[in-house]
Amino acid sequence: MDVLNKRQFVYLGDIAHQYYKFPGKYHSPCFNEYPSVNGSALRTDTSYFIIMEDGKKIIMNVEDESGNVNRKVLQKIANYRDNIRYAYKYPVISAIKTSKPQENCLTCLKLSETDILTPMFRPIPRVDASEVLNTILNKIDSNYTFTEIEAFEILDVVRMFESNQHIVLEKICYALPKIEIDSTDFFKLELIICMGCVIHMYAKTVEDIKRLEKVINLPNANTARKFFEDRLFNEGMIEGRTEGRLEMAASFVDRFGLDAVAEVSGFSREELLNGKLSK
């Protein structure tokens, strides 16, 4: 689930942010490792910048927890918050996605008289889980065209159930290849790769994992990086260095990171940051 959370918010960050109804607008990812004074490294599940309606820039830290959220978990998240604030000098909003009902979780932690941590909770289990599943399956069978937000829910539907998740997983995996989405190829391949994480979490046996991976066509799915490289190559990015191609490469920086785009495109870090070709 940690891998799923990372992929959702790194490669599909704008969609994930909207789906979980977090405040503000998704802007760009930030790094997730923050060395402490004793040499250890605090690694968040995911953190990224958002822009609020008043224009203020804030960082979201979203953690995925499979067990009940207790004092130890909240203290860990408080440490993440403090390290992120120190590193970036921006306010931080903490949020928790959890596989447990919120009533089973500790929802706030008093750290001092003036500092009380109250993360935003997004419990995944739902009382209407069966209704959600049936709606998704019926829409797929009727050739309904999903929006990206609607299709994103497929990644959570198995976790909405508190028992028999492997049965729900089978239904979703066999329906997934038939889904129609009003989206790009990039989103569709990421949906498949993310579903691979769900399969590894809830499939009963190794044989089931291998079978369901084939059902959703995971072995033939490009990675997001491969998709990016192919697009750059197909549009002539590597062969020619023009202002228009530089502009397109720069548009990938927020999603894939400066170093990755520089390596694949052949443009320098300075060119990508400044939007101008070096002489």
C-alpha atoms as a PDB file:
ATOM      1  CA  MET A   1       0.000   0.000   0.000  1.00  0.00           C
ATOM      2  CA  ASP A   2       2.946   2.344   0.574  1.00  0.00           C
ATOM      3  CA  VAL A   3       4.082   1.774  -3.017  1.00  0.00           C
ATOM      4  CA  LEU A   4       0.550   2.382  -4.269  1.00  0.00           C
ATOM      5  CA  ASN A   5       0.304   5.609  -2.281  1.00  0.00           C
ATOM      6  CA  LYS A   6       3.625   6.823  -3.684  1.00  0.00           C
ATOM      7  CA  ARG A   7       2.666   6.054  -7.289  1.00  0.00           C
ATOM      8  CA  GLN A   8      -0.762   7.659  -6.938  1.00  0.00           C
ATOM      9  CA  PHE A   9       0.597  10.955  -5.674  1.00  0.00           C
ATOM     10  CA  VAL A  10       3.776  11.100  -7.784  1.00  0.00           C
ATOM     11  CA  TYR A  11       2.423  10.145 -11.208  1.00  0.00           C
ATOM     12  CA  LEU A  12      -1.272  10.912 -10.730  1.00  0.00           C
ATOM     13  CA  GLY A  13      -0.907  13.600  -8.081  1.00  0.00           C
ATOM     14  CA  ASP A  14      -3.426  16.082  -9.440  1.00  0.00           C
ATOM     15  CA  ILE A  15      -6.085  13.373  -9.807  1.00  0.00           C
ATOM     16  CA  ALA A  16      -5.367  11.775  -6.414  1.00  0.00           C
ATOM     17  CA  HIS A  17      -5.545  15.175  -4.728  1.00  0.00           C
ATOM     18  CA  GLN A  18      -8.983  15.831  -6.207  1.00  0.00           C
ATOM     19  CA  TYR A  19     -10.253  12.316  -5.525  1.00  0.00           C
ATOM     20  CA  TYR A  20      -9.461  12.482  -1.811  1.00  0.00           C
ATOM     21  CA  LYS A  21     -10.936  15.990  -1.630  1.00  0.00           C
ATOM     22  CA  PHE A  22      -7.895  17.656  -0.139  1.00  0.00           C
ATOM     23  CA  PRO A  23      -7.831  21.478   0.004  1.00  0.00           C
ATOM     24  CA  GLY A  24      -6.282  23.735  -2.600  1.00  0.00           C
ATOM     25  CA  LYS A  25      -4.905  22.697  -5.980  1.00  0.00           C
ATOM     26  CA  TYR A  26      -2.121  20.196  -6.646  1.00  0.00           C
ATOM     27  CA  HIS A  27       1.077  21.908  -7.771  1.00  0.00           C
ATOM     28  CA  SER A  28       4.148  19.615  -7.766  1.00  0.00           C
ATOM     29  CA  PRO A  29       5.864  16.843  -5.787  1.00  0.00           C
ATOM     30  CA  CYS A  30       8.671  17.314  -3.280  1.00  0.00           C
ATOM     31  CA  PHE A  31      11.212  14.837  -1.945  1.00  0.00           C
ATOM     32  CA  ASN A  32      10.207  12.435   0.805  1.00  0.00           C
ATOM     33  CA  GLU A  33      13.409  11.761   2.755  1.00  0.00           C
ATOM     34  CA  TYR A  34      14.429  14.032   5.620  1.00  0.00           C
ATOM     35  CA  PRO A  35      17.646  13.185   7.533  1.00  0.00           C
ATOM     36  CA  SER A  36      17.430  13.712  11.288  1.00  0.00           C
ATOM     37  CA  VAL A  37      20.144  14.993  13.634  1.00  0.00           C
ATOM     38  CA  ASN A  38      21.124  11.453  14.675  1.00  0.00           C
ATOM     39  CA  GLY A  39      21.781  10.314  11.113  1.00  0.00           C
ATOM     40  CA  SER A  40      18.554   8.386  10.535  1.00  0.00           C
ATOM     41  CA  ALA A  41      16.270   9.220   7.629  1.00  0.00           C
ATOM     42  CA  LEU A  42      12.568   9.967   8.031  1.00  0.00           C
ATOM     43  CA  ARG A  43      10.813   8.857   4.858  1.00  0.00           C
ATOM     44  CA  THR A  44       7.286  10.055   4.253  1.00  0.00           C
ATOM     45  CA  ASP A  45       4.867   8.080   2.092  1.00  0.00           C
ATOM     46  CA  THR A  46       4.344  11.141  -0.074  1.00  0.00           C
ATOM     47  CA  SER A  47       4.511  14.913   0.148  1.00  0.00           C
ATOM     48  CA  TYR A  48       3.759  17.593  -2.426  1.00  0.00           C
ATOM     49  CA  PHE A  49       3.033  21.284  -2.877  1.00  0.00           C
ATOM     50  CA  ILE A  50      -0.474  22.674  -3.176  1.00  0.00           C
ATOM     51  CA  ILE A  51      -1.709  26.182  -3.938  1.00  0.00           C
ATOM     52  CA  MET A  52      -4.562  27.469  -1.804  1.00  0.00           C
ATOM     53  CA  GLU A  53      -7.323  29.762  -3.085  1.00  0.00           C
ATOM     54  CA  ASP A  54      -5.572  32.783  -1.577  1.00  0.00           C
ATOM     55  CA  GLY A  55      -2.395  31.911  -3.509  1.00  0.00           C
ATOM     56  CA  LYS A  56      -0.469  30.572  -0.511  1.00  0.00           C
ATOM     57  CA  LYS A  57       1.846  27.621  -1.110  1.00  0.00           C
ATOM     58  CA  ILE A  58       1.503  24.750   1.368  1.00  0.00           C
ATOM     59  CA  ILE A  59       2.835  21.182   1.543  1.00  0.00           C
ATOM     60  CA  MET A  60       0.542  18.154   1.864  1.00  0.00           C
ATOM     61  CA  ASN A  61       1.975  15.098   3.631  1.00  0.00           C
ATOM     62  CA  VAL A  62      -0.222  12.059   2.991  1.00  0.00           C
ATOM     63  CA  GLU A  63       0.471   8.837   4.894  1.00  0.00           C
ATOM     64  CA  ASP A  64      -1.158   5.470   4.220  1.00  0.00           C
ATOM     65  CA  GLU A  65      -1.788   3.374   7.324  1.00  0.00           C
ATOM     66  CA  SER A  66      -3.010  -0.232   7.213  1.00  0.00           C
ATOM     67  CA  GLY A  67      -3.464  -0.573  10.981  1.00  0.00           C
ATOM     68  CA  ASN A  68      -5.250   1.484  13.604  1.00  0.00           C
ATOM     69  CA  VAL A  69      -3.856   4.982  13.967  1.00  0.00           C
ATOM     70  CA  ASN A  70      -2.497   5.302  17.518  1.00  0.00           C
ATOM     71  CA  ARG A  71      -0.237   7.672  19.443  1.00  0.00           C
ATOM     72  CA  LYS A  72       2.906   6.171  17.897  1.00  0.00           C
ATOM     73  CA  VAL A  73       1.597   6.759  14.367  1.00  0.00           C
ATOM     74  CA  LEU A  74       0.592  10.353  15.110  1.00  0.00           C
ATOM     75  CA  GLN A  75       3.978  11.053  16.707  1.00  0.00           C
ATOM     76  CA  LYS A  76       5.659   9.750  13.554  1.00  0.00           C
ATOM     77  CA  ILE A  77       3.525  12.051  11.401  1.00  0.00           C
ATOM     78  CA  ALA A  78       4.278  14.981  13.712  1.00  0.00           C
ATOM     79  CA  ASN A  79       7.989  14.300  13.177  1.00  0.00           C
ATOM     80  CA  TYR A  80       7.435  14.264   9.414  1.00  0.00           C
ATOM     81  CA  ARG A  81       5.601  17.573   9.625  1.00  0.00           C
ATOM     82  CA  ASP A  82       8.363  19.227  11.635  1.00  0.00           C
ATOM     83  CA  ASN A  83      11.116  17.993   9.293  1.00  0.00           C
ATOM     84  CA  ILE A  84       9.233  19.110   6.177  1.00  0.00           C
ATOM     85  CA  ARG A  85       8.598  22.557   7.668  1.00  0.00           C
ATOM     86  CA  TYR A  86      12.268  22.876   8.578  1.00  0.00           C
ATOM     87  CA  ALA A  87      13.437  21.755   5.114  1.00  0.00           C
ATOM     88  CA  TYR A  88      11.087  23.881   3.006  1.00  0.00           C
ATOM     89  CA  LYS A  89      10.011  26.739   5.311  1.00  0.00           C
ATOM     90  CA  TYR A  90       6.373  26.203   4.271  1.00  0.00           C
ATOM     91  CA  PRO A  91       3.293  25.259   6.328  1.00  0.00           C
ATOM     92  CA  VAL A  92       2.363  21.572   6.257  1.00  0.00           C
ATOM     93  CA  ILE A  93      -1.037  19.859   6.188  1.00  0.00           C
ATOM     94  CA  SER A  94      -0.908  16.269   7.458  1.00  0.00           C
ATOM     95  CA  ALA A  95      -3.368  13.696   6.126  1.00  0.00           C
ATOM     96  CA  ILE A  96      -3.903   9.990   6.722  1.00  0.00           C
ATOM     97  CA  LYS A  97      -5.443   7.374   4.444  1.00  0.00           C
ATOM     98  CA  THR A  98      -6.352   4.378   6.562  1.00  0.00           C
ATOM     99  CA  SER A  99      -7.737   0.880   6.029  1.00  0.00           C
ATOM    100  CA  LYS A 100      -9.478   1.105   9.399  1.00  0.00           C
ATOM    101  CA  PRO A 101     -12.708   2.941  10.312  1.00  0.00           C
ATOM    102  CA  GLN A 102     -12.018   6.372  11.758  1.00  0.00           C
ATOM    103  CA  GLU A 103     -13.735   5.471  15.051  1.00  0.00           C
ATOM    104  CA  ASN A 104     -10.910   2.952  15.636  1.00  0.00           C
ATOM    105  CA  CYS A 105      -8.250   5.634  15.266  1.00  0.00           C
ATOM    106  CA  LEU A 106      -6.718   8.301  17.466  1.00  0.00           C
ATOM    107  CA  THR A 107      -7.522  11.508  15.596  1.00  0.00           C
ATOM    108  CA  CYS A 108      -5.439  14.127  17.418  1.00  0.00           C
ATOM    109  CA  LEU A 109      -2.275  14.353  19.494  1.00  0.00           C
ATOM    110  CA  LYS A 110      -1.430  17.103  21.976  1.00  0.00           C
ATOM    111  CA  LEU A 111       2.276  17.779  21.535  1.00  0.00           C
ATOM    112  CA  SER A 112       2.355  20.905  23.682  1.00  0.00           C
ATOM    113  CA  GLU A 113      -0.009  23.555  25.006  1.00  0.00           C
ATOM    114  CA  THR A 114       0.162  25.364  21.663  1.00  0.00           C
ATOM    115  CA  ASP A 115       0.712  22.460  19.239  1.00  0.00           C
ATOM    116  CA  ILE A 116      -2.053  19.907  18.667  1.00  0.00           C
ATOM    117  CA  LEU A 117      -1.715  17.635  15.625  1.00  0.00           C
ATOM    118  CA  THR A 118      -5.094  17.041  13.957  1.00  0.00           C
ATOM    119  CA  PRO A 119      -4.474  15.321  10.614  1.00  0.00           C
ATOM    120  CA  MET A 120      -7.116  15.060   7.921  1.00  0.00           C
ATOM    121  CA  PHE A 121      -8.505  11.515   7.837  1.00  0.00           C
ATOM    122  CA  ARG A 122      -9.559   9.626   4.718  1.00  0.00           C
ATOM    123  CA  PRO A 123     -10.814   6.191   5.877  1.00  0.00           C
ATOM    124  CA  ILE A 124     -11.098   3.771   2.951  1.00  0.00           C
ATOM    125  CA  PRO A 125     -13.712   1.279   4.329  1.00  0.00           C
ATOM    126  CA  ARG A 126     -17.268   2.264   3.363  1.00  0.00           C
ATOM    127  CA  VAL A 127     -20.696   1.005   4.366  1.00  0.00           C
ATOM    128  CA  ASP A 128     -21.821   1.284   0.731  1.00  0.00           C
ATOM    129  CA  ALA A 129     -18.839  -0.665  -0.637  1.00  0.00           C
ATOM    130  CA  SER A 130     -21.023  -3.232  -2.434  1.00  0.00           C
ATOM    131  CA  GLU A 131     -22.991  -0.452  -4.093  1.00  0.00           C
ATOM    132  CA  VAL A 132     -19.794   1.248  -5.244  1.00  0.00           C
ATOM    133  CA  LEU A 133     -18.450  -2.020  -6.678  1.00  0.00           C
ATOM    134  CA  ASN A 134     -21.676  -2.860  -8.514  1.00  0.00           C
ATOM    135  CA  THR A 135     -21.890   0.654  -9.958  1.00  0.00           C
ATOM    136  CA  ILE A 136     -18.363   0.378 -11.338  1.00  0.00           C
ATOM    137  CA  LEU A 137     -18.942  -3.081 -12.821  1.00  0.00           C
ATOM    138  CA  ASN A 138     -22.287  -2.050 -14.378  1.00  0.00           C
ATOM    139  CA  LYS A 139     -20.736   1.032 -15.953  1.00  0.00           C
ATOM    140  CA  ILE A 140     -17.912  -1.030 -17.447  1.00  0.00           C
ATOM    141  CA  ASP A 141     -20.382  -3.604 -18.827  1.00  0.00           C
ATOM    142  CA  SER A 142     -22.470  -0.832 -20.411  1.00  0.00           C
ATOM    143  CA  ASN A 143     -19.395   0.731 -22.092  1.00  0.00           C
ATOM    144  CA  TYR A 144     -19.667   3.880 -19.977  1.00  0.00           C
ATOM    145  CA  THR A 145     -16.787   6.305 -20.455  1.00  0.00           C
ATOM    146  CA  PHE A 146     -15.175   7.054 -17.093  1.00  0.00           C
ATOM    147  CA  THR A 147     -13.527  10.312 -16.177  1.00  0.00           C
ATOM    148  CA  GLU A 148     -10.078  10.051 -14.597  1.00  0.00           C
ATOM    149  CA  ILE A 149     -11.527  10.771 -11.152  1.00  0.00           C
ATOM    150  CA  GLU A 150     -14.182   8.058 -11.572  1.00  0.00           C
ATOM    151  CA  ALA A 151     -11.632   5.519 -12.814  1.00  0.00           C
ATOM    152  CA  PHE A 152      -9.269   6.379  -9.957  1.00  0.00           C
ATOM    153  CA  GLU A 153     -11.834   4.942  -7.511  1.00  0.00           C
ATOM    154  CA  ILE A 154     -11.083   1.476  -8.887  1.00  0.00           C
ATOM    155  CA  LEU A 155      -7.785   1.574  -6.968  1.00  0.00           C
ATOM    156  CA  ASP A 156      -9.643   1.969  -3.662  1.00  0.00           C
ATOM    157  CA  VAL A 157     -12.701  -0.216  -4.120  1.00  0.00           C
ATOM    158  CA  VAL A 158     -11.062  -3.450  -2.881  1.00  0.00           C
ATOM    159  CA  ARG A 159      -9.968  -1.690   0.322  1.00  0.00           C
ATOM    160  CA  MET A 160     -13.506  -0.449   0.915  1.00  0.00           C
ATOM    161  CA  PHE A 161     -14.428  -4.004   1.944  1.00  0.00           C
ATOM    162  CA  GLU A 162     -13.414  -5.290   5.379  1.00  0.00           C
ATOM    163  CA  SER A 163     -13.639  -8.962   4.362  1.00  0.00           C
ATOM    164  CA  ASN A 164     -13.502 -11.122   1.209  1.00  0.00           C
ATOM    165  CA  GLN A 165     -11.243  -8.590  -0.506  1.00  0.00           C
ATOM    166  CA  HIS A 166      -9.783 -11.337  -2.727  1.00  0.00           C
ATOM    167  CA  ILE A 167     -13.238 -11.926  -4.245  1.00  0.00           C
ATOM    168  CA  VAL A 168     -13.690  -8.218  -4.998  1.00  0.00           C
ATOM    169  CA  LEU A 169     -10.172  -8.144  -6.446  1.00  0.00           C
ATOM    170  CA  GLU A 170     -11.074 -10.906  -8.933  1.00  0.00           C
ATOM    171  CA  LYS A 171     -14.132  -8.993 -10.137  1.00  0.00           C
ATOM    172  CA  ILE A 172     -12.252  -5.722 -10.578  1.00  0.00           C
ATOM    173  CA  CYS A 173      -9.283  -7.299 -12.362  1.00  0.00           C
ATOM    174  CA  TYR A 174     -11.444  -9.131 -14.893  1.00  0.00           C
ATOM    175  CA  ALA A 175     -13.445  -5.956 -15.566  1.00  0.00           C
ATOM    176  CA  LEU A 176     -10.459  -3.598 -15.841  1.00  0.00           C
ATOM    177  CA  PRO A 177      -9.336  -4.532 -19.391  1.00  0.00           C
ATOM    178  CA  LYS A 178     -12.777  -3.533 -20.703  1.00  0.00           C
ATOM    179  CA  ILE A 179     -12.864  -0.064 -19.121  1.00  0.00           C
ATOM    180  CA  GLU A 180     -13.272   3.018 -21.308  1.00  0.00           C
ATOM    181  CA  ILE A 181     -11.636   6.175 -19.932  1.00  0.00           C
ATOM    182  CA  ASP A 182     -11.755   9.717 -21.258  1.00  0.00           C
ATOM    183  CA  SER A 183      -8.047  10.127 -20.718  1.00  0.00           C
ATOM    184  CA  THR A 184      -4.510   9.763 -22.003  1.00  0.00           C
ATOM    185  CA  ASP A 185      -2.564   6.550 -22.475  1.00  0.00           C
ATOM    186  CA  PHE A 186      -0.378   7.692 -19.583  1.00  0.00           C
ATOM    187  CA  PHE A 187      -3.271   7.562 -17.128  1.00  0.00           C
ATOM    188  CA  LYS A 188      -4.433   4.157 -18.324  1.00  0.00           C
ATOM    189  CA  LEU A 189      -1.014   2.549 -17.969  1.00  0.00           C
ATOM    190  CA  GLU A 190      -0.592   4.069 -14.506  1.00  0.00           C
ATOM    191  CA  LEU A 191      -3.981   2.645 -13.516  1.00  0.00           C
ATOM    192  CA  ILE A 192      -2.763  -0.812 -14.536  1.00  0.00           C
ATOM    193  CA  ILE A 193       0.573  -0.458 -12.742  1.00  0.00           C
ATOM    194  CA  CYS A 194      -1.166   0.794  -9.585  1.00  0.00           C
ATOM    195  CA  MET A 195      -3.580  -2.141  -9.739  1.00  0.00           C
ATOM    196  CA  GLY A 196      -0.522  -4.370  -9.601  1.00  0.00           C
ATOM    197  CA  CYS A 197       0.066  -3.044  -6.075  1.00  0.00           C
ATOM    198  CA  VAL A 198      -3.520  -3.900  -5.097  1.00  0.00           C
ATOM    199  CA  ILE A 199      -3.099  -7.412  -6.510  1.00  0.00           C
ATOM    200  CA  HIS A 200       0.038  -8.023  -4.459  1.00  0.00           C
ATOM    201  CA  MET A 201      -1.772  -6.841  -1.325  1.00  0.00           C
ATOM    202  CA  TYR A 202      -4.979  -8.870  -1.608  1.00  0.00           C
ATOM    203  CA  ALA A 203      -4.391 -11.908  -3.849  1.00  0.00           C
ATOM    204  CA  LYS A 204      -4.439 -15.194  -1.923  1.00  0.00           C
ATOM    205  CA  THR A 205      -1.464 -16.980  -3.515  1.00  0.00           C
ATOM    206  CA  VAL A 206       1.563 -16.319  -5.705  1.00  0.00           C
ATOM    207  CA  GLU A 207      -0.242 -18.168  -8.500  1.00  0.00           C
ATOM    208  CA  ASP A 208      -3.194 -15.786  -8.117  1.00  0.00           C
ATOM    209  CA  ILE A 209      -0.830 -12.814  -8.340  1.00  0.00           C
ATOM    210  CA  LYS A 210       0.705 -14.066 -11.594  1.00  0.00           C
ATOM    211  CA  ARG A 211      -2.699 -14.919 -13.073  1.00  0.00           C
ATOM    212  CA  LEU A 212      -4.296 -11.569 -12.224  1.00  0.00           C
ATOM    213  CA  GLU A 213      -1.272  -9.631 -13.465  1.00  0.00           C
ATOM    214  CA  LYS A 214      -1.833 -11.294 -16.848  1.00  0.00           C
ATOM    215  CA  VAL A 215      -5.571 -10.580 -16.666  1.00  0.00           C
ATOM    216  CA  ILE A 216      -4.955  -6.805 -16.389  1.00  0.00           C
ATOM    217  CA  ASN A 217      -2.082  -7.068 -18.920  1.00  0.00           C
ATOM    218  CA  LEU A 218       0.468  -5.795 -16.412  1.00  0.00           C
ATOM    219  CA  PRO A 219       3.440  -7.651 -17.978  1.00  0.00           C
ATOM    220  CA  ASN A 220       2.970  -5.624 -21.180  1.00  0.00           C
ATOM    221  CA  ALA A 221       2.347  -2.259 -19.528  1.00  0.00           C
ATOM    222  CA  ASN A 222       5.028   0.346 -20.038  1.00  0.00           C
ATOM    223  CA  THR A 223       6.391   2.066 -16.996  1.00  0.00           C
ATOM    224  CA  ALA A 224       5.654   5.772 -16.715  1.00  0.00           C
ATOM    225  CA  ARG A 225       9.337   6.485 -17.448  1.00  0.00           C
ATOM    226  CA  LYS A 226       9.223   4.346 -20.630  1.00  0.00           C
ATOM    227  CA  PHE A 227       6.068   6.168 -21.732  1.00  0.00           C
ATOM    228  CA  PHE A 228       7.840   9.476 -21.191  1.00  0.00           C
ATOM    229  CA  GLU A 229      10.940   8.394 -23.109  1.00  0.00           C
ATOM    230  CA  ASP A 230       8.877   7.064 -26.012  1.00  0.00           C
ATOM    231  CA  ARG A 231       6.921  10.292 -26.282  1.00  0.00           C
ATOM    232  CA  LEU A 232      10.084  12.373 -26.319  1.00  0.00           C
ATOM    233  CA  PHE A 233      11.603  10.135 -28.988  1.00  0.00           C
ATOM    234  CA  ASN A 234       8.487   9.964 -31.151  1.00  0.00           C
ATOM    235  CA  GLU A 235       8.093  13.726 -31.173  1.00  0.00           C
ATOM    236  CA  GLY A 236      11.722  14.255 -32.104  1.00  0.00           C
ATOM    237  CA  MET A 237      12.903  15.584 -28.765  1.00  0.00           C
ATOM    238  CA  ILE A 238      16.219  13.761 -28.805  1.00  0.00           C
ATOM    239  CA  GLU A 239      17.062  14.518 -32.453  1.00  0.00           C
ATOM    240  CA  GLY A 240      16.304  18.227 -32.474  1.00  0.00           C
ATOM    241  CA  ARG A 241      16.732  21.030 -29.946  1.00  0.00           C
ATOM    242  CA  THR A 242      14.174  23.738 -30.697  1.00  0.00           C
ATOM    243  CA  GLU A 243      12.323  26.198 -28.508  1.00  0.00           C
ATOM    244  CA  GLY A 244       9.065  24.307 -28.994  1.00  0.00           C
ATOM    245  CA  ARG A 245      10.571  20.990 -27.926  1.00  0.00           C
ATOM    246  CA  LEU A 246      12.252  22.617 -24.964  1.00  0.00           C
ATOM    247  CA  GLU A 247       8.884  23.983 -23.888  1.00  0.00           C
ATOM    248  CA  MET A 248       7.363  20.511 -24.080  1.00  0.00           C
ATOM    249  CA  ALA A 249      10.249  18.994 -22.079  1.00  0.00           C
ATOM    250  CA  ALA A 250       9.903  21.681 -19.410  1.00  0.00           C
ATOM    251  CA  SER A 251       6.227  20.803 -19.047  1.00  0.00           C
ATOM    252  CA  PHE A 252       7.253  17.339 -17.803  1.00  0.00           C
ATOM    253  CA  VAL A 253       9.509  18.627 -15.015  1.00  0.00           C
ATOM    254  CA  ASP A 254       6.830  18.848 -12.311  1.00  0.00           C
ATOM    255  CA  ARG A 255       5.634  15.318 -12.984  1.00  0.00           C
ATOM    256  CA  PHE A 256       8.926  13.477 -13.519  1.00  0.00           C
ATOM    257  CA  GLY A 257      11.534  15.660 -11.847  1.00  0.00           C
ATOM    258  CA  LEU A 258      14.273  17.901 -13.222  1.00  0.00           C
ATOM    259  CA  ASP A 259      17.035  15.296 -13.318  1.00  0.00           C
ATOM    260  CA  ALA A 260      14.943  12.673 -15.133  1.00  0.00           C
ATOM    261  CA  VAL A 261      13.786  15.121 -17.816  1.00  0.00           C
ATOM    262  CA  ALA A 262      17.324  16.462 -18.316  1.00  0.00           C
ATOM    263  CA  GLU A 263      18.707  12.950 -18.713  1.00  0.00           C
ATOM    264  CA  VAL A 264      16.124  11.800 -21.242  1.00  0.00           C
ATOM    265  CA  SER A 265      15.654  15.005 -23.249  1.00  0.00           C
ATOM    266  CA  GLY A 266      19.260  16.088 -23.586  1.00  0.00           C
ATOM    267  CA  PHE A 267      18.469  19.599 -22.366  1.00  0.00           C
ATOM    268  CA  SER A 268      20.492  20.957 -19.462  1.00  0.00           C
ATOM    269  CA  ARG A 269      18.989  21.648 -16.043  1.00  0.00           C
ATOM    270  CA  GLU A 270      19.501  25.366 -16.641  1.00  0.00           C
ATOM    271  CA  GLU A 271      17.703  25.258 -19.996  1.00  0.00           C
ATOM    272  CA  LEU A 272      14.749  23.440 -18.481  1.00  0.00           C
ATOM    273  CA  LEU A 273      14.538  25.850 -15.550  1.00  0.00           C
ATOM    274  CA  ASN A 274      14.964  29.018 -17.633  1.00  0.00           C
ATOM    275  CA  GLY A 275      12.973  27.877 -20.673  1.00  0.00           C
ATOM    276  CA  LYS A 276      15.717  29.125 -22.984  1.00  0.00           C
ATOM    277  CA  LEU A 277      18.315  27.311 -25.060  1.00  0.00           C
ATOM    278  CA  SER A 278      21.958  27.851 -24.122  1.00  0.00           C
ATOM    279  CA  LYS A 279      24.106  29.431 -26.801  1.00  0.00           C
END
